Amino acid sequence: MAEPIRRRGRPKKDGADAPGTVQALARALDLLDLLAARPGLTLSEVAEASGQAPSTVHRVLHTLARRGMVESDQATQAWNIGPATFRLGSAFMRRSGLVERARPILRALMRHTGETANLGILDGDAVLFVAQAETQETIRAFFPPGTRSPLHASGIGKALLAFGSPDVQEALTARCALPRFTPTTLAEPAALAADLVRIRHRGFSFDDEERTRGMRCIAAPVFDLSGEAIAGISVSGPSHRIGHEHVKTLGATVAAAAAELSEVMGGGPLS
């Protein structure tokens, strides 16, 4: 069947020019929609695809860039969606049920393992913790909602890197060095890349005192209906309770909890 002819020029948006709307805002949102669907366009390509004047597109993109909504690759001059759009999307994701659906699973995981159970999502180069079921043990890990942790030095962060977008993984591992927090932090990109391969193979990550001495974490990814890793579940606690001999068993338990949440969210990993 022949493909339909695509008309050039700015795509018509329902109600974009209707009374009561802000035309400039509507056109800025059009550009966000365009870059979400077709990342990596140059300014001239954005102008051509949107039907807007290059000078207008230039002003809009730079205004959006100052708010983190879009970003430009200085080497290729290509424009892409920025991290602020993910934070907005994450807010919707939390409102739309991820946190609420995760709560009973986190509580069950905490009771089963005796350790604090956490839920985190990607936030730029960090994990943003959005929910927690805290153990009653005197010595315990504590990541209140809103806490951020580096991707390369956290269980959930490494799980999201291993199963998430290759672009995020490549951008992080391409750095010459990563911040070192303890002697076991994977501060060398090659070491981190090798660990991500192991994580994908076994289905869960292991943070071996890589962010904080004396604390360990085991995490697994949560997938949406498109097979995208949208969050991670973990258990964290002191190293004397999460010994190396317990990692395999705890990893299977955490992976099962993450798979349960994926199923509740209507998703699962791509085969």
C-alpha atoms as a PDB file:
ATOM      1  CA  MET A   1       0.000   0.000   0.000  1.00  0.00           C
ATOM      2  CA  ALA A   2       1.374   3.417  -0.939  1.00  0.00           C
ATOM      3  CA  GLU A   3       2.258   5.701   1.925  1.00  0.00           C
ATOM      4  CA  PRO A   4       0.089   8.805   2.279  1.00  0.00           C
ATOM      5  CA  ILE A   5       1.573  11.999   0.933  1.00  0.00           C
ATOM      6  CA  ARG A   6       2.938  14.133   3.753  1.00  0.00           C
ATOM      7  CA  ARG A   7       2.291  17.810   3.370  1.00  0.00           C
ATOM      8  CA  ARG A   8       5.102  20.159   4.222  1.00  0.00           C
ATOM      9  CA  GLY A   9       4.694  23.020   6.583  1.00  0.00           C
ATOM     10  CA  ARG A  10       3.710  23.350  10.201  1.00  0.00           C
ATOM     11  CA  PRO A  11       1.386  20.517  11.253  1.00  0.00           C
ATOM     12  CA  LYS A  12      -2.014  21.683  12.301  1.00  0.00           C
ATOM     13  CA  LYS A  13      -2.662  21.354  16.007  1.00  0.00           C
ATOM     14  CA  ASP A  14      -6.181  21.019  17.230  1.00  0.00           C
ATOM     15  CA  GLY A  15      -7.154  24.293  18.847  1.00  0.00           C
ATOM     16  CA  ALA A  16      -3.653  25.786  18.635  1.00  0.00           C
ATOM     17  CA  ASP A  17      -4.957  29.008  17.093  1.00  0.00           C
ATOM     18  CA  ALA A  18      -8.354  28.908  18.763  1.00  0.00           C
ATOM     19  CA  PRO A  19      -9.555  31.848  20.854  1.00  0.00           C
ATOM     20  CA  GLY A  20      -8.216  31.740  24.382  1.00  0.00           C
ATOM     21  CA  THR A  21      -4.925  30.030  23.471  1.00  0.00           C
ATOM     22  CA  VAL A  22      -1.424  31.535  23.456  1.00  0.00           C
ATOM     23  CA  GLN A  23      -0.109  31.051  19.932  1.00  0.00           C
ATOM     24  CA  ALA A  24       3.573  31.433  20.844  1.00  0.00           C
ATOM     25  CA  LEU A  25       3.225  28.840  23.605  1.00  0.00           C
ATOM     26  CA  ALA A  26       1.350  26.475  21.308  1.00  0.00           C
ATOM     27  CA  ARG A  27       4.104  26.719  18.714  1.00  0.00           C
ATOM     28  CA  ALA A  28       6.792  26.115  21.364  1.00  0.00           C
ATOM     29  CA  LEU A  29       4.929  22.990  22.426  1.00  0.00           C
ATOM     30  CA  ASP A  30       4.753  21.976  18.765  1.00  0.00           C
ATOM     31  CA  LEU A  31       8.558  22.060  18.688  1.00  0.00           C
ATOM     32  CA  LEU A  32       8.760  19.893  21.811  1.00  0.00           C
ATOM     33  CA  ASP A  33       6.398  17.390  20.197  1.00  0.00           C
ATOM     34  CA  LEU A  34       8.514  17.423  17.049  1.00  0.00           C
ATOM     35  CA  LEU A  35      11.809  16.800  18.876  1.00  0.00           C
ATOM     36  CA  ALA A  36      10.214  14.051  20.957  1.00  0.00           C
ATOM     37  CA  ALA A  37       9.170  12.265  17.772  1.00  0.00           C
ATOM     38  CA  ARG A  38      12.263  13.132  15.701  1.00  0.00           C
ATOM     39  CA  PRO A  39      15.303  13.732  17.932  1.00  0.00           C
ATOM     40  CA  GLY A  40      18.564  15.015  16.531  1.00  0.00           C
ATOM     41  CA  LEU A  41      17.262  17.633  14.097  1.00  0.00           C
ATOM     42  CA  THR A  42      19.314  20.717  13.327  1.00  0.00           C
ATOM     43  CA  LEU A  43      17.766  24.168  13.696  1.00  0.00           C
ATOM     44  CA  SER A  44      17.108  24.423   9.964  1.00  0.00           C
ATOM     45  CA  GLU A  45      15.527  20.967   9.941  1.00  0.00           C
ATOM     46  CA  VAL A  46      13.309  21.902  12.877  1.00  0.00           C
ATOM     47  CA  ALA A  47      12.253  25.063  11.051  1.00  0.00           C
ATOM     48  CA  GLU A  48      11.472  23.160   7.853  1.00  0.00           C
ATOM     49  CA  ALA A  49       9.591  20.355   9.607  1.00  0.00           C
ATOM     50  CA  SER A  50       7.561  22.744  11.757  1.00  0.00           C
ATOM     51  CA  GLY A  51       6.893  25.364   9.106  1.00  0.00           C
ATOM     52  CA  GLN A  52       8.145  28.103  11.412  1.00  0.00           C
ATOM     53  CA  ALA A  53      10.692  30.744  10.479  1.00  0.00           C
ATOM     54  CA  PRO A  54      14.292  29.855  11.417  1.00  0.00           C
ATOM     55  CA  SER A  55      14.631  33.076  13.426  1.00  0.00           C
ATOM     56  CA  THR A  56      11.522  32.183  15.431  1.00  0.00           C
ATOM     57  CA  VAL A  57      12.688  28.608  15.955  1.00  0.00           C
ATOM     58  CA  HIS A  58      16.083  29.898  17.118  1.00  0.00           C
ATOM     59  CA  ARG A  59      14.489  32.108  19.787  1.00  0.00           C
ATOM     60  CA  VAL A  60      12.079  29.429  20.954  1.00  0.00           C
ATOM     61  CA  LEU A  61      14.711  26.685  21.179  1.00  0.00           C
ATOM     62  CA  HIS A  62      17.126  28.861  23.111  1.00  0.00           C
ATOM     63  CA  THR A  63      14.342  29.926  25.487  1.00  0.00           C
ATOM     64  CA  LEU A  64      13.423  26.261  26.062  1.00  0.00           C
ATOM     65  CA  ALA A  65      17.116  25.366  26.481  1.00  0.00           C
ATOM     66  CA  ARG A  66      17.486  27.863  29.325  1.00  0.00           C
ATOM     67  CA  ARG A  67      14.746  25.951  31.151  1.00  0.00           C
ATOM     68  CA  GLY A  68      16.272  22.555  30.385  1.00  0.00           C
ATOM     69  CA  MET A  69      13.380  21.561  28.120  1.00  0.00           C
ATOM     70  CA  VAL A  70      15.653  21.032  25.101  1.00  0.00           C
ATOM     71  CA  GLU A  71      19.395  20.792  24.622  1.00  0.00           C
ATOM     72  CA  SER A  72      21.810  21.133  21.722  1.00  0.00           C
ATOM     73  CA  ASP A  73      24.793  18.963  20.883  1.00  0.00           C
ATOM     74  CA  GLN A  74      27.592  21.469  20.353  1.00  0.00           C
ATOM     75  CA  ALA A  75      29.479  19.130  18.019  1.00  0.00           C
ATOM     76  CA  THR A  76      26.601  18.302  15.644  1.00  0.00           C
ATOM     77  CA  GLN A  77      24.284  21.283  16.286  1.00  0.00           C
ATOM     78  CA  ALA A  78      21.484  18.747  16.730  1.00  0.00           C
ATOM     79  CA  TRP A  79      18.597  19.486  19.075  1.00  0.00           C
ATOM     80  CA  ASN A  80      17.011  16.999  21.455  1.00  0.00           C
ATOM     81  CA  ILE A  81      14.521  16.862  24.296  1.00  0.00           C
ATOM     82  CA  GLY A  82      16.122  18.009  27.564  1.00  0.00           C
ATOM     83  CA  PRO A  83      16.113  16.595  31.109  1.00  0.00           C
ATOM     84  CA  ALA A  84      13.423  18.977  32.366  1.00  0.00           C
ATOM     85  CA  THR A  85      10.874  17.261  30.142  1.00  0.00           C
ATOM     86  CA  PHE A  86      11.677  13.980  31.858  1.00  0.00           C
ATOM     87  CA  ARG A  87      11.084  15.518  35.270  1.00  0.00           C
ATOM     88  CA  LEU A  88       7.698  16.760  34.089  1.00  0.00           C
ATOM     89  CA  GLY A  89       6.906  13.358  32.650  1.00  0.00           C
ATOM     90  CA  SER A  90       8.007  11.730  35.867  1.00  0.00           C
ATOM     91  CA  ALA A  91       5.604  13.938  37.810  1.00  0.00           C
ATOM     92  CA  PHE A  92       2.790  12.703  35.608  1.00  0.00           C
ATOM     93  CA  MET A  93       4.005   9.130  35.988  1.00  0.00           C
ATOM     94  CA  ARG A  94       3.842   9.422  39.767  1.00  0.00           C
ATOM     95  CA  ARG A  95       0.399  10.989  39.600  1.00  0.00           C
ATOM     96  CA  SER A  96      -0.752   8.338  37.171  1.00  0.00           C
ATOM     97  CA  GLY A  97      -0.139   5.535  39.628  1.00  0.00           C
ATOM     98  CA  LEU A  98       3.440   4.253  39.724  1.00  0.00           C
ATOM     99  CA  VAL A  99       4.082   5.218  43.334  1.00  0.00           C
ATOM    100  CA  GLU A 100       0.694   4.143  44.618  1.00  0.00           C
ATOM    101  CA  ARG A 101       0.884   0.808  42.841  1.00  0.00           C
ATOM    102  CA  ALA A 102       4.409   0.277  44.126  1.00  0.00           C
ATOM    103  CA  ARG A 103       3.630   0.889  47.803  1.00  0.00           C
ATOM    104  CA  PRO A 104       2.179  -2.562  48.674  1.00  0.00           C
ATOM    105  CA  ILE A 105       4.991  -4.259  46.733  1.00  0.00           C
ATOM    106  CA  LEU A 106       7.616  -2.211  48.593  1.00  0.00           C
ATOM    107  CA  ARG A 107       6.022  -3.043  51.947  1.00  0.00           C
ATOM    108  CA  ALA A 108       5.932  -6.756  51.112  1.00  0.00           C
ATOM    109  CA  LEU A 109       9.565  -6.634  49.955  1.00  0.00           C
ATOM    110  CA  MET A 110      10.614  -4.880  53.165  1.00  0.00           C
ATOM    111  CA  ARG A 111       8.827  -7.471  55.321  1.00  0.00           C
ATOM    112  CA  HIS A 112      10.283 -10.378  53.339  1.00  0.00           C
ATOM    113  CA  THR A 113      13.896  -9.160  53.371  1.00  0.00           C
ATOM    114  CA  GLY A 114      13.931  -7.168  56.604  1.00  0.00           C
ATOM    115  CA  GLU A 115      15.615  -4.294  54.773  1.00  0.00           C
ATOM    116  CA  THR A 116      14.440  -0.916  53.503  1.00  0.00           C
ATOM    117  CA  ALA A 117      12.776  -1.127  50.082  1.00  0.00           C
ATOM    118  CA  ASN A 118      13.030   1.781  47.654  1.00  0.00           C
ATOM    119  CA  LEU A 119      11.512   3.007  44.390  1.00  0.00           C
ATOM    120  CA  GLY A 120      13.515   5.353  42.162  1.00  0.00           C
ATOM    121  CA  ILE A 121      13.313   6.867  38.698  1.00  0.00           C
ATOM    122  CA  LEU A 122      15.794   8.417  36.299  1.00  0.00           C
ATOM    123  CA  ASP A 123      16.414  12.153  36.779  1.00  0.00           C
ATOM    124  CA  GLY A 124      19.114  13.314  34.399  1.00  0.00           C
ATOM    125  CA  ASP A 125      22.433  11.876  35.615  1.00  0.00           C
ATOM    126  CA  ALA A 126      20.917  10.734  38.901  1.00  0.00           C
ATOM    127  CA  VAL A 127      18.319   8.521  40.504  1.00  0.00           C
ATOM    128  CA  LEU A 128      15.415  10.324  42.129  1.00  0.00           C
ATOM    129  CA  PHE A 129      13.926   8.320  45.003  1.00  0.00           C
ATOM    130  CA  VAL A 130      10.144   8.642  44.999  1.00  0.00           C
ATOM    131  CA  ALA A 131       8.937   6.097  47.571  1.00  0.00           C
ATOM    132  CA  GLN A 132      10.274   3.954  50.397  1.00  0.00           C
ATOM    133  CA  ALA A 133       9.160   1.262  52.833  1.00  0.00           C
ATOM    134  CA  GLU A 134      11.500   1.680  55.786  1.00  0.00           C
ATOM    135  CA  THR A 135      12.587  -1.230  57.945  1.00  0.00           C
ATOM    136  CA  GLN A 136      12.301  -0.982  61.713  1.00  0.00           C
ATOM    137  CA  GLU A 137      15.879  -2.118  62.238  1.00  0.00           C
ATOM    138  CA  THR A 138      17.944   0.318  64.299  1.00  0.00           C
ATOM    139  CA  ILE A 139      20.696   0.487  61.676  1.00  0.00           C
ATOM    140  CA  ARG A 140      19.112   1.012  58.271  1.00  0.00           C
ATOM    141  CA  ALA A 141      19.402   2.838  54.970  1.00  0.00           C
ATOM    142  CA  PHE A 142      17.286   5.947  54.534  1.00  0.00           C
ATOM    143  CA  PHE A 143      16.472   7.623  51.203  1.00  0.00           C
ATOM    144  CA  PRO A 144      13.456   9.899  51.731  1.00  0.00           C
ATOM    145  CA  PRO A 145      11.427  10.846  48.633  1.00  0.00           C
ATOM    146  CA  GLY A 146      13.222  13.621  46.768  1.00  0.00           C
ATOM    147  CA  THR A 147      16.718  12.283  47.520  1.00  0.00           C
ATOM    148  CA  ARG A 148      18.983  12.034  44.474  1.00  0.00           C
ATOM    149  CA  SER A 149      21.913   9.656  44.004  1.00  0.00           C
ATOM    150  CA  PRO A 150      24.470   9.350  41.174  1.00  0.00           C
ATOM    151  CA  LEU A 151      23.589   6.730  38.565  1.00  0.00           C
ATOM    152  CA  HIS A 152      26.976   5.007  38.593  1.00  0.00           C
ATOM    153  CA  ALA A 153      27.083   4.670  42.380  1.00  0.00           C
ATOM    154  CA  SER A 154      23.633   3.323  43.259  1.00  0.00           C
ATOM    155  CA  GLY A 155      21.835   0.045  42.792  1.00  0.00           C
ATOM    156  CA  ILE A 156      18.802   1.527  41.059  1.00  0.00           C
ATOM    157  CA  GLY A 157      21.007   3.815  38.986  1.00  0.00           C
ATOM    158  CA  LYS A 158      23.055   0.941  37.624  1.00  0.00           C
ATOM    159  CA  ALA A 159      19.920  -1.120  36.967  1.00  0.00           C
ATOM    160  CA  LEU A 160      18.413   1.760  34.964  1.00  0.00           C
ATOM    161  CA  LEU A 161      21.677   2.248  33.074  1.00  0.00           C
ATOM    162  CA  ALA A 162      21.960  -1.454  32.245  1.00  0.00           C
ATOM    163  CA  PHE A 163      18.407  -1.807  30.970  1.00  0.00           C
ATOM    164  CA  GLY A 164      17.696   1.755  29.865  1.00  0.00           C
ATOM    165  CA  SER A 165      18.480   3.964  26.905  1.00  0.00           C
ATOM    166  CA  PRO A 166      21.861   3.254  25.277  1.00  0.00           C
ATOM    167  CA  ASP A 167      22.266   7.022  24.825  1.00  0.00           C
ATOM    168  CA  VAL A 168      22.253   7.629  28.586  1.00  0.00           C
ATOM    169  CA  GLN A 169      24.655   4.748  29.175  1.00  0.00           C
ATOM    170  CA  GLU A 170      27.041   5.860  26.427  1.00  0.00           C
ATOM    171  CA  ALA A 171      27.015   9.473  27.607  1.00  0.00           C
ATOM    172  CA  LEU A 172      27.932   8.422  31.148  1.00  0.00           C
ATOM    173  CA  THR A 173      30.549   5.819  30.241  1.00  0.00           C
ATOM    174  CA  ALA A 174      32.129   8.183  27.703  1.00  0.00           C
ATOM    175  CA  ARG A 175      33.391  10.427  30.494  1.00  0.00           C
ATOM    176  CA  CYS A 176      37.059  10.288  31.359  1.00  0.00           C
ATOM    177  CA  ALA A 177      36.246   9.780  35.032  1.00  0.00           C
ATOM    178  CA  LEU A 178      33.245   9.520  37.302  1.00  0.00           C
ATOM    179  CA  PRO A 179      33.024  10.874  40.857  1.00  0.00           C
ATOM    180  CA  ARG A 180      34.548   8.483  43.378  1.00  0.00           C
ATOM    181  CA  PHE A 181      32.832   8.221  46.762  1.00  0.00           C
ATOM    182  CA  THR A 182      34.445   5.112  48.267  1.00  0.00           C
ATOM    183  CA  PRO A 183      37.262   2.713  47.320  1.00  0.00           C
ATOM    184  CA  THR A 184      34.713   0.461  45.557  1.00  0.00           C
ATOM    185  CA  THR A 185      33.020   3.173  43.453  1.00  0.00           C
ATOM    186  CA  LEU A 186      33.079   2.277  39.756  1.00  0.00           C
ATOM    187  CA  ALA A 187      34.794   5.527  38.815  1.00  0.00           C
ATOM    188  CA  GLU A 188      36.358   4.209  35.606  1.00  0.00           C
ATOM    189  CA  PRO A 189      33.997   4.045  32.590  1.00  0.00           C
ATOM    190  CA  ALA A 190      35.376   0.648  31.527  1.00  0.00           C
ATOM    191  CA  ALA A 191      34.690  -0.854  34.943  1.00  0.00           C
ATOM    192  CA  LEU A 192      31.172   0.556  34.940  1.00  0.00           C
ATOM    193  CA  ALA A 193      30.488  -0.722  31.420  1.00  0.00           C
ATOM    194  CA  ALA A 194      31.648  -4.217  32.412  1.00  0.00           C
ATOM    195  CA  ASP A 195      29.374  -4.186  35.457  1.00  0.00           C
ATOM    196  CA  LEU A 196      26.392  -3.133  33.333  1.00  0.00           C
ATOM    197  CA  VAL A 197      26.940  -6.198  31.140  1.00  0.00           C
ATOM    198  CA  ARG A 198      26.864  -8.410  34.246  1.00  0.00           C
ATOM    199  CA  ILE A 199      23.698  -6.701  35.450  1.00  0.00           C
ATOM    200  CA  ARG A 200      21.896  -7.349  32.182  1.00  0.00           C
ATOM    201  CA  HIS A 201      22.964 -10.985  32.313  1.00  0.00           C
ATOM    202  CA  ARG A 202      21.747 -11.726  35.845  1.00  0.00           C
ATOM    203  CA  GLY A 203      18.780  -9.317  35.939  1.00  0.00           C
ATOM    204  CA  PHE A 204      19.710  -7.236  38.983  1.00  0.00           C
ATOM    205  CA  SER A 205      22.424  -4.829  40.151  1.00  0.00           C
ATOM    206  CA  PHE A 206      24.604  -4.851  43.253  1.00  0.00           C
ATOM    207  CA  ASP A 207      25.915  -1.673  44.878  1.00  0.00           C
ATOM    208  CA  ASP A 208      28.806  -2.932  46.999  1.00  0.00           C
ATOM    209  CA  GLU A 209      29.430   0.086  49.257  1.00  0.00           C
ATOM    210  CA  GLU A 210      29.938   2.170  46.122  1.00  0.00           C
ATOM    211  CA  ARG A 211      28.181   5.293  47.431  1.00  0.00           C
ATOM    212  CA  THR A 212      28.480   4.912  51.204  1.00  0.00           C
ATOM    213  CA  ARG A 213      30.860   2.754  53.190  1.00  0.00           C
ATOM    214  CA  GLY A 214      29.078   0.085  55.176  1.00  0.00           C
ATOM    215  CA  MET A 215      25.926   0.169  53.009  1.00  0.00           C
ATOM    216  CA  ARG A 216      24.929  -2.173  50.192  1.00  0.00           C
ATOM    217  CA  CYS A 217      22.013  -2.195  47.774  1.00  0.00           C
ATOM    218  CA  ILE A 218      20.458  -4.661  45.341  1.00  0.00           C
ATOM    219  CA  ALA A 219      18.115  -3.383  42.622  1.00  0.00           C
ATOM    220  CA  ALA A 220      16.141  -4.434  39.543  1.00  0.00           C
ATOM    221  CA  PRO A 221      14.372  -2.476  36.796  1.00  0.00           C
ATOM    222  CA  VAL A 222      10.640  -1.866  36.335  1.00  0.00           C
ATOM    223  CA  PHE A 223       9.378  -1.838  32.740  1.00  0.00           C
ATOM    224  CA  ASP A 224       6.379  -0.139  31.147  1.00  0.00           C
ATOM    225  CA  LEU A 225       4.167  -1.537  28.397  1.00  0.00           C
ATOM    226  CA  SER A 226       6.674  -0.508  25.711  1.00  0.00           C
ATOM    227  CA  GLY A 227       9.473  -2.422  27.420  1.00  0.00           C
ATOM    228  CA  GLU A 228      11.210   0.739  28.633  1.00  0.00           C
ATOM    229  CA  ALA A 229      12.888   0.712  32.050  1.00  0.00           C
ATOM    230  CA  ILE A 230      10.944   3.491  33.776  1.00  0.00           C
ATOM    231  CA  ALA A 231      11.926   2.873  37.410  1.00  0.00           C
ATOM    232  CA  GLY A 232      13.860   0.622  39.732  1.00  0.00           C
ATOM    233  CA  ILE A 233      13.121  -1.223  42.961  1.00  0.00           C
ATOM    234  CA  SER A 234      15.827  -1.934  45.512  1.00  0.00           C
ATOM    235  CA  VAL A 235      16.560  -3.146  49.007  1.00  0.00           C
ATOM    236  CA  SER A 236      19.339  -1.411  50.900  1.00  0.00           C
ATOM    237  CA  GLY A 237      20.957  -1.935  54.261  1.00  0.00           C
ATOM    238  CA  PRO A 238      24.185  -2.339  56.203  1.00  0.00           C
ATOM    239  CA  SER A 239      26.874  -4.578  54.768  1.00  0.00           C
ATOM    240  CA  HIS A 240      26.931  -6.862  57.792  1.00  0.00           C
ATOM    241  CA  ARG A 241      23.327  -7.891  57.003  1.00  0.00           C
ATOM    242  CA  ILE A 242      23.635  -7.881  53.196  1.00  0.00           C
ATOM    243  CA  GLY A 243      26.612 -10.184  52.892  1.00  0.00           C
ATOM    244  CA  HIS A 244      28.046 -11.397  49.604  1.00  0.00           C
ATOM    245  CA  GLU A 245      26.583 -14.825  50.331  1.00  0.00           C
ATOM    246  CA  HIS A 246      23.077 -13.293  50.300  1.00  0.00           C
ATOM    247  CA  VAL A 247      23.361 -11.350  47.060  1.00  0.00           C
ATOM    248  CA  LYS A 248      22.062 -14.058  44.716  1.00  0.00           C
ATOM    249  CA  THR A 249      19.012 -14.856  46.874  1.00  0.00           C
ATOM    250  CA  LEU A 250      18.192 -11.208  47.532  1.00  0.00           C
ATOM    251  CA  GLY A 251      18.717 -10.397  43.854  1.00  0.00           C
ATOM    252  CA  ALA A 252      16.116 -12.965  42.840  1.00  0.00           C
ATOM    253  CA  THR A 253      13.681 -11.593  45.427  1.00  0.00           C
ATOM    254  CA  VAL A 254      14.141  -7.983  44.303  1.00  0.00           C
ATOM    255  CA  ALA A 255      13.891  -8.947  40.626  1.00  0.00           C
ATOM    256  CA  ALA A 256      10.617 -10.758  41.359  1.00  0.00           C
ATOM    257  CA  ALA A 257       9.226  -7.655  43.105  1.00  0.00           C
ATOM    258  CA  ALA A 258      10.256  -5.454  40.171  1.00  0.00           C
ATOM    259  CA  ALA A 259       8.647  -7.897  37.734  1.00  0.00           C
ATOM    260  CA  GLU A 260       5.451  -7.802  39.806  1.00  0.00           C
ATOM    261  CA  LEU A 261       5.334  -4.001  39.595  1.00  0.00           C
ATOM    262  CA  SER A 262       6.052  -4.169  35.855  1.00  0.00           C
ATOM    263  CA  GLU A 263       3.087  -6.507  35.470  1.00  0.00           C
ATOM    264  CA  VAL A 264       0.853  -4.266  37.568  1.00  0.00           C
ATOM    265  CA  MET A 265       1.863  -1.345  35.322  1.00  0.00           C
ATOM    266  CA  GLY A 266       0.982  -3.438  32.271  1.00  0.00           C
ATOM    267  CA  GLY A 267       4.558  -3.797  31.137  1.00  0.00           C
ATOM    268  CA  GLY A 268       7.570  -6.051  30.947  1.00  0.00           C
ATOM    269  CA  PRO A 269      10.980  -6.244  29.282  1.00  0.00           C
ATOM    270  CA  LEU A 270      11.227  -6.562  25.534  1.00  0.00           C
ATOM    271  CA  SER A 271      11.969 -10.120  24.476  1.00  0.00           C
END
